Amino acid sequence: MSEDEKRRDARPAVTGEDRLPGDPDRDELIARMLRVDHAGEYGARRIYDGQLAVLGRGPAAPVIREMAEAEQAHLDAFDALLVERRVRPTALSPLWHVAGYALGAASGLLGERAAMACTVAVEEVIEEHYAAQVRRLGEDEAPLRETLEEFGADEARHRETGLAHGAEQAPGYEALAAAVKRGTRLAIWLSERI
């Protein structure tokens, strides 16, 4: 392993001790993490709501419902963490309410495979996002780190579920996945800050 890889994979002993000038301080870093993770789980839940509105009676419905239940459990956990840590949710929640549902319904209208392609794209970005957050958390935030590791593993399972249910066979898979990933990364950036 190169020195650059070791530095990139090294976890700080204390959250925020590796910050550079201009980076958020420890408290703001944690607030941003909780804010964006809450927004992400809320958006994911809304995507599944939209998919179920369109595909709720199809063969994929039980799979989508199961993933939606996991996202609701994640959302409930972040609801509690926001209150416990006194962190405000993103001001963009009304936008994610509409946008998440619209993305879910639109992907559902394109068919079950397109809905699964949407899931794969979103979950891949979120899995990477959680892993990056985990690397930034020190031992002082071990319980939060463990929560994010657990939720990241759930997102990885959702991605695998989407792949197992034909996501890559969706018409225009590459273009759809790329567009959803770009949108997800933009939503992450905005929700951390607003």
C-alpha atoms as a PDB file:
ATOM      1  CA  MET A   1       0.000   0.000   0.000  1.00  0.00           C
ATOM      2  CA  SER A   2       1.412   3.397  -0.965  1.00  0.00           C
ATOM      3  CA  GLU A   3       1.808   6.257   1.519  1.00  0.00           C
ATOM      4  CA  ASP A   4      -1.010   8.157  -0.232  1.00  0.00           C
ATOM      5  CA  GLU A   5      -3.348   5.160   0.154  1.00  0.00           C
ATOM      6  CA  LYS A   6      -2.400   4.788   3.825  1.00  0.00           C
ATOM      7  CA  ARG A   7      -3.124   8.481   4.492  1.00  0.00           C
ATOM      8  CA  ARG A   8      -6.432   8.258   2.620  1.00  0.00           C
ATOM      9  CA  ASP A   9      -7.517   5.156   4.573  1.00  0.00           C
ATOM     10  CA  ALA A  10      -6.237   6.363   7.962  1.00  0.00           C
ATOM     11  CA  ARG A  11      -8.946   7.288  10.426  1.00  0.00           C
ATOM     12  CA  PRO A  12      -8.362  10.269  12.693  1.00  0.00           C
ATOM     13  CA  ALA A  13      -8.208   9.549  16.422  1.00  0.00           C
ATOM     14  CA  VAL A  14     -10.538  12.498  17.016  1.00  0.00           C
ATOM     15  CA  THR A  15     -13.124  13.597  14.477  1.00  0.00           C
ATOM     16  CA  GLY A  16     -11.996  16.739  12.707  1.00  0.00           C
ATOM     17  CA  GLU A  17      -8.347  16.606  13.776  1.00  0.00           C
ATOM     18  CA  ASP A  18      -7.324  16.121  10.147  1.00  0.00           C
ATOM     19  CA  ARG A  19      -9.145  19.240   8.962  1.00  0.00           C
ATOM     20  CA  LEU A  20      -7.430  21.787   6.808  1.00  0.00           C
ATOM     21  CA  PRO A  21      -7.752  25.577   7.043  1.00  0.00           C
ATOM     22  CA  GLY A  22     -11.192  26.531   5.785  1.00  0.00           C
ATOM     23  CA  ASP A  23     -12.683  23.092   6.471  1.00  0.00           C
ATOM     24  CA  PRO A  24     -15.702  22.942   8.791  1.00  0.00           C
ATOM     25  CA  ASP A  25     -14.870  22.477  12.464  1.00  0.00           C
ATOM     26  CA  ARG A  26     -15.757  19.219  14.223  1.00  0.00           C
ATOM     27  CA  ASP A  27     -19.267  20.280  15.257  1.00  0.00           C
ATOM     28  CA  GLU A  28     -20.128  21.615  11.804  1.00  0.00           C
ATOM     29  CA  LEU A  29     -18.692  18.469  10.196  1.00  0.00           C
ATOM     30  CA  ILE A  30     -20.961  16.264  12.311  1.00  0.00           C
ATOM     31  CA  ALA A  31     -23.941  18.570  11.695  1.00  0.00           C
ATOM     32  CA  ARG A  32     -23.363  18.392   7.941  1.00  0.00           C
ATOM     33  CA  MET A  33     -23.090  14.608   8.065  1.00  0.00           C
ATOM     34  CA  LEU A  34     -26.316  14.219  10.002  1.00  0.00           C
ATOM     35  CA  ARG A  35     -28.132  16.805   7.874  1.00  0.00           C
ATOM     36  CA  VAL A  36     -27.182  15.224   4.565  1.00  0.00           C
ATOM     37  CA  ASP A  37     -27.743  11.657   5.763  1.00  0.00           C
ATOM     38  CA  HIS A  38     -31.205  12.547   7.041  1.00  0.00           C
ATOM     39  CA  ALA A  39     -31.982  14.232   3.712  1.00  0.00           C
ATOM     40  CA  GLY A  40     -30.675  11.229   1.796  1.00  0.00           C
ATOM     41  CA  GLU A  41     -32.757   8.731   3.705  1.00  0.00           C
ATOM     42  CA  TYR A  42     -35.802  10.971   3.339  1.00  0.00           C
ATOM     43  CA  GLY A  43     -35.187  11.248  -0.404  1.00  0.00           C
ATOM     44  CA  ALA A  44     -34.684   7.489  -0.716  1.00  0.00           C
ATOM     45  CA  ARG A  45     -37.947   6.846   1.092  1.00  0.00           C
ATOM     46  CA  ARG A  46     -39.714   9.242  -1.284  1.00  0.00           C
ATOM     47  CA  ILE A  47     -38.168   7.507  -4.322  1.00  0.00           C
ATOM     48  CA  TYR A  48     -39.580   4.198  -3.132  1.00  0.00           C
ATOM     49  CA  ASP A  49     -42.959   5.848  -2.443  1.00  0.00           C
ATOM     50  CA  GLY A  50     -43.028   7.028  -6.059  1.00  0.00           C
ATOM     51  CA  GLN A  51     -42.014   3.623  -7.380  1.00  0.00           C
ATOM     52  CA  LEU A  52     -44.684   1.912  -5.303  1.00  0.00           C
ATOM     53  CA  ALA A  53     -47.324   4.357  -6.542  1.00  0.00           C
ATOM     54  CA  VAL A  54     -46.635   3.090 -10.059  1.00  0.00           C
ATOM     55  CA  LEU A  55     -45.463  -0.497  -9.469  1.00  0.00           C
ATOM     56  CA  GLY A  56     -47.317  -1.279  -6.241  1.00  0.00           C
ATOM     57  CA  ARG A  57     -49.160  -4.249  -7.695  1.00  0.00           C
ATOM     58  CA  GLY A  58     -46.370  -5.634  -9.863  1.00  0.00           C
ATOM     59  CA  PRO A  59     -43.953  -8.451  -9.155  1.00  0.00           C
ATOM     60  CA  ALA A  60     -41.254  -6.043  -7.917  1.00  0.00           C
ATOM     61  CA  ALA A  61     -43.533  -4.470  -5.283  1.00  0.00           C
ATOM     62  CA  PRO A  62     -42.520  -6.754  -2.366  1.00  0.00           C
ATOM     63  CA  VAL A  63     -38.830  -6.100  -3.048  1.00  0.00           C
ATOM     64  CA  ILE A  64     -39.387  -2.345  -3.267  1.00  0.00           C
ATOM     65  CA  ARG A  65     -41.455  -2.384  -0.063  1.00  0.00           C
ATOM     66  CA  GLU A  66     -38.700  -4.239   1.785  1.00  0.00           C
ATOM     67  CA  MET A  67     -36.093  -1.682   0.693  1.00  0.00           C
ATOM     68  CA  ALA A  68     -38.476   1.165   1.592  1.00  0.00           C
ATOM     69  CA  GLU A  69     -38.881  -0.272   5.104  1.00  0.00           C
ATOM     70  CA  ALA A  70     -35.096  -0.322   5.569  1.00  0.00           C
ATOM     71  CA  GLU A  71     -34.886   3.296   4.413  1.00  0.00           C
ATOM     72  CA  GLN A  72     -37.652   4.233   6.858  1.00  0.00           C
ATOM     73  CA  ALA A  73     -35.684   2.619   9.700  1.00  0.00           C
ATOM     74  CA  HIS A  74     -32.630   4.660   8.651  1.00  0.00           C
ATOM     75  CA  LEU A  75     -34.751   7.817   8.478  1.00  0.00           C
ATOM     76  CA  ASP A  76     -36.150   7.158  11.951  1.00  0.00           C
ATOM     77  CA  ALA A  77     -32.606   6.805  13.297  1.00  0.00           C
ATOM     78  CA  PHE A  78     -31.543  10.103  11.729  1.00  0.00           C
ATOM     79  CA  ASP A  79     -34.712  11.811  12.983  1.00  0.00           C
ATOM     80  CA  ALA A  80     -33.623  10.857  16.495  1.00  0.00           C
ATOM     81  CA  LEU A  81     -29.996  11.877  15.920  1.00  0.00           C
ATOM     82  CA  LEU A  82     -31.015  15.318  14.640  1.00  0.00           C
ATOM     83  CA  VAL A  83     -32.958  15.929  17.841  1.00  0.00           C
ATOM     84  CA  GLU A  84     -30.291  14.428  20.105  1.00  0.00           C
ATOM     85  CA  ARG A  85     -27.487  16.440  18.478  1.00  0.00           C
ATOM     86  CA  ARG A  86     -29.604  19.572  17.994  1.00  0.00           C
ATOM     87  CA  VAL A  87     -28.957  19.677  14.247  1.00  0.00           C
ATOM     88  CA  ARG A  88     -31.455  21.273  11.914  1.00  0.00           C
ATOM     89  CA  PRO A  89     -32.588  19.301   8.863  1.00  0.00           C
ATOM     90  CA  THR A  90     -31.837  20.642   5.420  1.00  0.00           C
ATOM     91  CA  ALA A  91     -33.973  23.547   4.292  1.00  0.00           C
ATOM     92  CA  LEU A  92     -34.340  21.640   1.013  1.00  0.00           C
ATOM     93  CA  SER A  93     -36.631  18.950   2.473  1.00  0.00           C
ATOM     94  CA  PRO A  94     -39.682  20.261   0.550  1.00  0.00           C
ATOM     95  CA  LEU A  95     -37.689  19.973  -2.691  1.00  0.00           C
ATOM     96  CA  TRP A  96     -36.522  16.417  -1.875  1.00  0.00           C
ATOM     97  CA  HIS A  97     -40.126  15.537  -0.985  1.00  0.00           C
ATOM     98  CA  VAL A  98     -41.240  16.329  -4.529  1.00  0.00           C
ATOM     99  CA  ALA A  99     -38.053  15.406  -6.403  1.00  0.00           C
ATOM    100  CA  GLY A 100     -37.658  12.023  -4.717  1.00  0.00           C
ATOM    101  CA  TYR A 101     -41.245  11.037  -5.421  1.00  0.00           C
ATOM    102  CA  ALA A 102     -41.002  12.286  -9.016  1.00  0.00           C
ATOM    103  CA  LEU A 103     -37.790  10.315  -9.622  1.00  0.00           C
ATOM    104  CA  GLY A 104     -39.369   7.184  -8.173  1.00  0.00           C
ATOM    105  CA  ALA A 105     -42.584   7.542 -10.165  1.00  0.00           C
ATOM    106  CA  ALA A 106     -40.716   8.379 -13.385  1.00  0.00           C
ATOM    107  CA  SER A 107     -38.394   5.402 -13.037  1.00  0.00           C
ATOM    108  CA  GLY A 108     -41.398   3.207 -12.234  1.00  0.00           C
ATOM    109  CA  LEU A 109     -43.208   4.427 -15.337  1.00  0.00           C
ATOM    110  CA  LEU A 110     -40.198   3.299 -17.365  1.00  0.00           C
ATOM    111  CA  GLY A 111     -40.668  -0.212 -15.953  1.00  0.00           C
ATOM    112  CA  GLU A 112     -39.444  -2.406 -13.135  1.00  0.00           C
ATOM    113  CA  ARG A 113     -35.927  -2.694 -14.526  1.00  0.00           C
ATOM    114  CA  ALA A 114     -35.630   1.084 -14.801  1.00  0.00           C
ATOM    115  CA  ALA A 115     -36.847   1.404 -11.201  1.00  0.00           C
ATOM    116  CA  MET A 116     -34.137  -1.062 -10.185  1.00  0.00           C
ATOM    117  CA  ALA A 117     -31.586   0.880 -12.256  1.00  0.00           C
ATOM    118  CA  CYS A 118     -32.538   4.002 -10.314  1.00  0.00           C
ATOM    119  CA  THR A 119     -32.056   2.098  -7.057  1.00  0.00           C
ATOM    120  CA  VAL A 120     -28.654   0.793  -8.131  1.00  0.00           C
ATOM    121  CA  ALA A 121     -27.436   4.262  -9.114  1.00  0.00           C
ATOM    122  CA  VAL A 122     -28.653   5.986  -5.950  1.00  0.00           C
ATOM    123  CA  GLU A 123     -27.424   3.255  -3.623  1.00  0.00           C
ATOM    124  CA  GLU A 124     -23.985   3.124  -5.243  1.00  0.00           C
ATOM    125  CA  VAL A 125     -23.466   6.834  -4.600  1.00  0.00           C
ATOM    126  CA  ILE A 126     -24.864   6.607  -1.057  1.00  0.00           C
ATOM    127  CA  GLU A 127     -22.703   3.597  -0.231  1.00  0.00           C
ATOM    128  CA  GLU A 128     -19.612   5.571  -1.321  1.00  0.00           C
ATOM    129  CA  HIS A 129     -20.855   8.606   0.605  1.00  0.00           C
ATOM    130  CA  TYR A 130     -21.271   6.652   3.857  1.00  0.00           C
ATOM    131  CA  ALA A 131     -17.820   5.069   3.422  1.00  0.00           C
ATOM    132  CA  ALA A 132     -16.243   8.528   3.014  1.00  0.00           C
ATOM    133  CA  GLN A 133     -18.000   9.741   6.155  1.00  0.00           C
ATOM    134  CA  VAL A 134     -16.873   6.682   8.120  1.00  0.00           C
ATOM    135  CA  ARG A 135     -13.240   7.461   7.212  1.00  0.00           C
ATOM    136  CA  ARG A 136     -13.626  10.977   8.671  1.00  0.00           C
ATOM    137  CA  LEU A 137     -15.026   9.858  12.022  1.00  0.00           C
ATOM    138  CA  GLY A 138     -12.603   9.286  14.879  1.00  0.00           C
ATOM    139  CA  GLU A 139     -12.908   7.064  17.914  1.00  0.00           C
ATOM    140  CA  ASP A 140     -14.809   9.856  19.666  1.00  0.00           C
ATOM    141  CA  GLU A 141     -17.677   9.139  17.257  1.00  0.00           C
ATOM    142  CA  ALA A 142     -17.510   5.334  17.275  1.00  0.00           C
ATOM    143  CA  PRO A 143     -21.297   4.835  17.757  1.00  0.00           C
ATOM    144  CA  LEU A 144     -22.101   7.136  14.814  1.00  0.00           C
ATOM    145  CA  ARG A 145     -19.432   5.438  12.719  1.00  0.00           C
ATOM    146  CA  GLU A 146     -20.954   2.025  13.479  1.00  0.00           C
ATOM    147  CA  THR A 147     -24.404   3.295  12.502  1.00  0.00           C
ATOM    148  CA  LEU A 148     -23.072   4.608   9.189  1.00  0.00           C
ATOM    149  CA  GLU A 149     -21.233   1.341   8.534  1.00  0.00           C
ATOM    150  CA  GLU A 150     -24.443  -0.602   9.165  1.00  0.00           C
ATOM    151  CA  PHE A 151     -26.517   1.680   6.943  1.00  0.00           C
ATOM    152  CA  GLY A 152     -23.842   1.580   4.233  1.00  0.00           C
ATOM    153  CA  ALA A 153     -24.024  -2.216   4.268  1.00  0.00           C
ATOM    154  CA  ASP A 154     -27.812  -1.987   3.878  1.00  0.00           C
ATOM    155  CA  GLU A 155     -27.376   0.337   0.880  1.00  0.00           C
ATOM    156  CA  ALA A 156     -24.916  -2.134  -0.655  1.00  0.00           C
ATOM    157  CA  ARG A 157     -27.531  -4.883  -0.276  1.00  0.00           C
ATOM    158  CA  HIS A 158     -30.128  -2.670  -1.964  1.00  0.00           C
ATOM    159  CA  ARG A 159     -27.707  -2.087  -4.859  1.00  0.00           C
ATOM    160  CA  GLU A 160     -27.145  -5.835  -5.163  1.00  0.00           C
ATOM    161  CA  THR A 161     -30.906  -6.430  -5.024  1.00  0.00           C
ATOM    162  CA  GLY A 162     -31.421  -3.973  -7.872  1.00  0.00           C
ATOM    163  CA  LEU A 163     -28.754  -5.704  -9.946  1.00  0.00           C
ATOM    164  CA  ALA A 164     -30.288  -9.108  -9.212  1.00  0.00           C
ATOM    165  CA  HIS A 165     -33.655  -7.794 -10.448  1.00  0.00           C
ATOM    166  CA  GLY A 166     -32.464  -6.737 -13.884  1.00  0.00           C
ATOM    167  CA  ALA A 167     -31.281  -3.153 -13.414  1.00  0.00           C
ATOM    168  CA  GLU A 168     -28.566  -3.485 -16.048  1.00  0.00           C
ATOM    169  CA  GLN A 169     -31.120  -4.744 -18.586  1.00  0.00           C
ATOM    170  CA  ALA A 170     -33.123  -1.516 -18.349  1.00  0.00           C
ATOM    171  CA  PRO A 171     -33.261   0.348 -21.667  1.00  0.00           C
ATOM    172  CA  GLY A 172     -30.664   3.123 -21.562  1.00  0.00           C
ATOM    173  CA  TYR A 173     -29.189   1.787 -18.330  1.00  0.00           C
ATOM    174  CA  GLU A 174     -25.854   3.617 -18.622  1.00  0.00           C
ATOM    175  CA  ALA A 175     -27.439   6.997 -19.378  1.00  0.00           C
ATOM    176  CA  LEU A 176     -30.126   6.576 -16.704  1.00  0.00           C
ATOM    177  CA  ALA A 177     -27.614   5.503 -14.072  1.00  0.00           C
ATOM    178  CA  ALA A 178     -25.238   8.354 -14.933  1.00  0.00           C
ATOM    179  CA  ALA A 179     -28.013  10.954 -14.701  1.00  0.00           C
ATOM    180  CA  VAL A 180     -29.294   9.596 -11.376  1.00  0.00           C
ATOM    181  CA  LYS A 181     -25.765   9.496  -9.934  1.00  0.00           C
ATOM    182  CA  ARG A 182     -25.113  13.107 -10.958  1.00  0.00           C
ATOM    183  CA  GLY A 183     -28.403  14.196  -9.402  1.00  0.00           C
ATOM    184  CA  THR A 184     -27.666  12.265  -6.213  1.00  0.00           C
ATOM    185  CA  ARG A 185     -24.204  13.813  -5.871  1.00  0.00           C
ATOM    186  CA  LEU A 186     -25.679  17.279  -6.378  1.00  0.00           C
ATOM    187  CA  ALA A 187     -28.365  16.595  -3.754  1.00  0.00           C
ATOM    188  CA  ILE A 188     -25.640  15.498  -1.314  1.00  0.00           C
ATOM    189  CA  TRP A 189     -23.599  18.646  -1.879  1.00  0.00           C
ATOM    190  CA  LEU A 190     -26.615  20.930  -1.490  1.00  0.00           C
ATOM    191  CA  SER A 191     -28.084  19.161   1.548  1.00  0.00           C
ATOM    192  CA  GLU A 192     -24.812  19.352   3.480  1.00  0.00           C
ATOM    193  CA  ARG A 193     -24.790  23.102   3.136  1.00  0.00           C
ATOM    194  CA  ILE A 194     -28.386  24.341   2.969  1.00  0.00           C
END
